[in-house]
């Protein structure tokens, strides 16, 4: 398994509480030095709490559907040909009656 994959798995396990840094290092003794350093850094990093400002929320709501236009109605070619020929059919039937 690649080092990147091992690191990602260990970080996920540490963040979810399934494992500690020591547990991961013990599973991969050949990568002990490098893995320990990276996992300690990753464990120390805490993601910031992000909450959008009220102004951002208002702008987002206003512009959310700006680019969306209702789709133009399409008349299928089959229907169009029937509609175009309808006056001819009606007038022809009047003459033949």
C-alpha atoms as a PDB file:
ATOM      1  CA  UNK A   1       0.000   0.000   0.000  1.00  0.00           C
ATOM      2  CA  UNK A   2       1.256   3.498  -0.790  1.00  0.00           C
ATOM      3  CA  UNK A   3       2.424   5.816   1.979  1.00  0.00           C
ATOM      4  CA  UNK A   4      -0.218   8.387   1.065  1.00  0.00           C
ATOM      5  CA  UNK A   5      -2.999   5.836   1.460  1.00  0.00           C
ATOM      6  CA  UNK A   6      -1.640   4.624   4.794  1.00  0.00           C
ATOM      7  CA  UNK A   7      -1.387   8.203   6.035  1.00  0.00           C
ATOM      8  CA  UNK A   8      -4.937   9.011   4.918  1.00  0.00           C
ATOM      9  CA  UNK A   9      -6.329   5.891   6.621  1.00  0.00           C
ATOM     10  CA  UNK A  10      -4.482   6.639   9.859  1.00  0.00           C
ATOM     11  CA  UNK A  11      -5.560  10.281   9.913  1.00  0.00           C
ATOM     12  CA  UNK A  12      -9.177   9.254   9.400  1.00  0.00           C
ATOM     13  CA  UNK A  13      -8.961   6.660  12.165  1.00  0.00           C
ATOM     14  CA  UNK A  14      -7.389   9.151  14.570  1.00  0.00           C
ATOM     15  CA  UNK A  15      -9.977  11.853  13.825  1.00  0.00           C
ATOM     16  CA  UNK A  16     -12.846   9.393  14.251  1.00  0.00           C
ATOM     17  CA  UNK A  17     -11.381   8.069  17.515  1.00  0.00           C
ATOM     18  CA  UNK A  18     -10.868   4.509  16.260  1.00  0.00           C
ATOM     19  CA  UNK A  19      -7.089   4.641  16.697  1.00  0.00           C
ATOM     20  CA  UNK A  20      -4.337   6.656  18.350  1.00  0.00           C
ATOM     21  CA  UNK A  21      -1.042   7.733  16.793  1.00  0.00           C
ATOM     22  CA  UNK A  22       0.720   4.871  18.570  1.00  0.00           C
ATOM     23  CA  UNK A  23      -1.709   2.293  17.150  1.00  0.00           C
ATOM     24  CA  UNK A  24      -1.037   3.399  13.581  1.00  0.00           C
ATOM     25  CA  UNK A  25       2.727   3.535  14.072  1.00  0.00           C
ATOM     26  CA  UNK A  26       2.717  -0.015  15.473  1.00  0.00           C
ATOM     27  CA  UNK A  27       0.840  -1.298  12.410  1.00  0.00           C
ATOM     28  CA  UNK A  28       3.436   0.171  10.027  1.00  0.00           C
ATOM     29  CA  UNK A  29       6.845  -0.162  11.749  1.00  0.00           C
ATOM     30  CA  UNK A  30       8.825   0.435   8.551  1.00  0.00           C
ATOM     31  CA  UNK A  31       7.295   3.932   8.293  1.00  0.00           C
ATOM     32  CA  UNK A  32       7.495   4.687  12.005  1.00  0.00           C
ATOM     33  CA  UNK A  33       9.584   7.889  11.952  1.00  0.00           C
ATOM     34  CA  UNK A  34       7.913   9.524   9.008  1.00  0.00           C
ATOM     35  CA  UNK A  35       4.414   8.383   9.938  1.00  0.00           C
ATOM     36  CA  UNK A  36       4.697   9.461  13.582  1.00  0.00           C
ATOM     37  CA  UNK A  37       5.767  12.990  12.631  1.00  0.00           C
ATOM     38  CA  UNK A  38       2.989  13.420  10.070  1.00  0.00           C
ATOM     39  CA  UNK A  39       0.312  11.942  12.312  1.00  0.00           C
ATOM     40  CA  UNK A  40       1.282  14.170  15.236  1.00  0.00           C
ATOM     41  CA  UNK A  41       1.005  17.214  12.995  1.00  0.00           C
ATOM     42  CA  UNK A  42      -2.334  16.036  11.619  1.00  0.00           C
ATOM     43  CA  UNK A  43      -3.660  15.316  15.099  1.00  0.00           C
ATOM     44  CA  UNK A  44      -2.671  18.804  16.279  1.00  0.00           C
ATOM     45  CA  UNK A  45      -4.485  20.522  13.420  1.00  0.00           C
ATOM     46  CA  UNK A  46      -8.093  21.338  14.143  1.00  0.00           C
ATOM     47  CA  UNK A  47     -10.370  22.517  11.350  1.00  0.00           C
ATOM     48  CA  UNK A  48     -11.847  25.966  11.853  1.00  0.00           C
ATOM     49  CA  UNK A  49     -15.528  26.345  12.428  1.00  0.00           C
ATOM     50  CA  UNK A  50     -16.857  28.105   9.373  1.00  0.00           C
ATOM     51  CA  UNK A  51     -20.202  29.792   9.233  1.00  0.00           C
ATOM     52  CA  UNK A  52     -21.158  32.123   6.405  1.00  0.00           C
ATOM     53  CA  UNK A  53     -22.036  35.712   7.210  1.00  0.00           C
ATOM     54  CA  UNK A  54     -25.661  36.872   6.875  1.00  0.00           C
ATOM     55  CA  UNK A  55     -24.624  39.057   3.910  1.00  0.00           C
ATOM     56  CA  UNK A  56     -23.160  36.056   2.134  1.00  0.00           C
ATOM     57  CA  UNK A  57     -26.296  34.009   2.738  1.00  0.00           C
ATOM     58  CA  UNK A  58     -28.481  36.793   1.338  1.00  0.00           C
ATOM     59  CA  UNK A  59     -26.296  37.191  -1.779  1.00  0.00           C
ATOM     60  CA  UNK A  60     -26.191  33.439  -2.298  1.00  0.00           C
ATOM     61  CA  UNK A  61     -29.979  33.155  -2.146  1.00  0.00           C
ATOM     62  CA  UNK A  62     -30.407  36.040  -4.588  1.00  0.00           C
ATOM     63  CA  UNK A  63     -27.937  34.655  -7.119  1.00  0.00           C
ATOM     64  CA  UNK A  64     -28.604  30.965  -6.706  1.00  0.00           C
ATOM     65  CA  UNK A  65     -30.975  30.693  -9.631  1.00  0.00           C
ATOM     66  CA  UNK A  66     -29.801  33.660 -11.731  1.00  0.00           C
ATOM     67  CA  UNK A  67     -28.317  31.523 -14.501  1.00  0.00           C
ATOM     68  CA  UNK A  68     -31.228  29.158 -14.683  1.00  0.00           C
ATOM     69  CA  UNK A  69     -33.793  30.020 -17.306  1.00  0.00           C
ATOM     70  CA  UNK A  70     -36.886  27.978 -17.992  1.00  0.00           C
ATOM     71  CA  UNK A  71     -36.281  25.653 -20.883  1.00  0.00           C
ATOM     72  CA  UNK A  72     -37.962  26.794 -24.078  1.00  0.00           C
ATOM     73  CA  UNK A  73     -40.863  24.629 -25.126  1.00  0.00           C
ATOM     74  CA  UNK A  74     -39.897  22.332 -27.923  1.00  0.00           C
ATOM     75  CA  UNK A  75     -42.432  21.221 -30.425  1.00  0.00           C
ATOM     76  CA  UNK A  76     -41.465  17.891 -31.804  1.00  0.00           C
ATOM     77  CA  UNK A  77     -40.986  17.626 -35.552  1.00  0.00           C
ATOM     78  CA  UNK A  78     -43.740  15.053 -35.716  1.00  0.00           C
ATOM     79  CA  UNK A  79     -46.260  17.388 -34.070  1.00  0.00           C
ATOM     80  CA  UNK A  80     -45.068  20.371 -36.126  1.00  0.00           C
ATOM     81  CA  UNK A  81     -45.606  18.543 -39.429  1.00  0.00           C
ATOM     82  CA  UNK A  82     -49.103  17.504 -38.351  1.00  0.00           C
ATOM     83  CA  UNK A  83     -49.929  21.048 -37.271  1.00  0.00           C
ATOM     84  CA  UNK A  84     -48.640  22.579 -40.518  1.00  0.00           C
ATOM     85  CA  UNK A  85     -50.577  20.127 -42.673  1.00  0.00           C
ATOM     86  CA  UNK A  86     -53.804  20.385 -40.681  1.00  0.00           C
ATOM     87  CA  UNK A  87     -55.309  23.292 -42.700  1.00  0.00           C
ATOM     88  CA  UNK A  88     -54.583  21.394 -45.891  1.00  0.00           C
ATOM     89  CA  UNK A  89     -56.251  18.270 -44.536  1.00  0.00           C
ATOM     90  CA  UNK A  90     -59.293  20.212 -43.418  1.00  0.00           C
ATOM     91  CA  UNK A  91     -59.687  22.062 -46.705  1.00  0.00           C
ATOM     92  CA  UNK A  92     -59.156  18.876 -48.696  1.00  0.00           C
ATOM     93  CA  UNK A  93     -61.831  17.096 -46.717  1.00  0.00           C
ATOM     94  CA  UNK A  94     -64.273  19.961 -47.334  1.00  0.00           C
ATOM     95  CA  UNK A  95     -63.773  19.728 -51.104  1.00  0.00           C
ATOM     96  CA  UNK A  96     -64.167  15.955 -51.171  1.00  0.00           C
ATOM     97  CA  UNK A  97     -67.351  15.873 -49.185  1.00  0.00           C
END
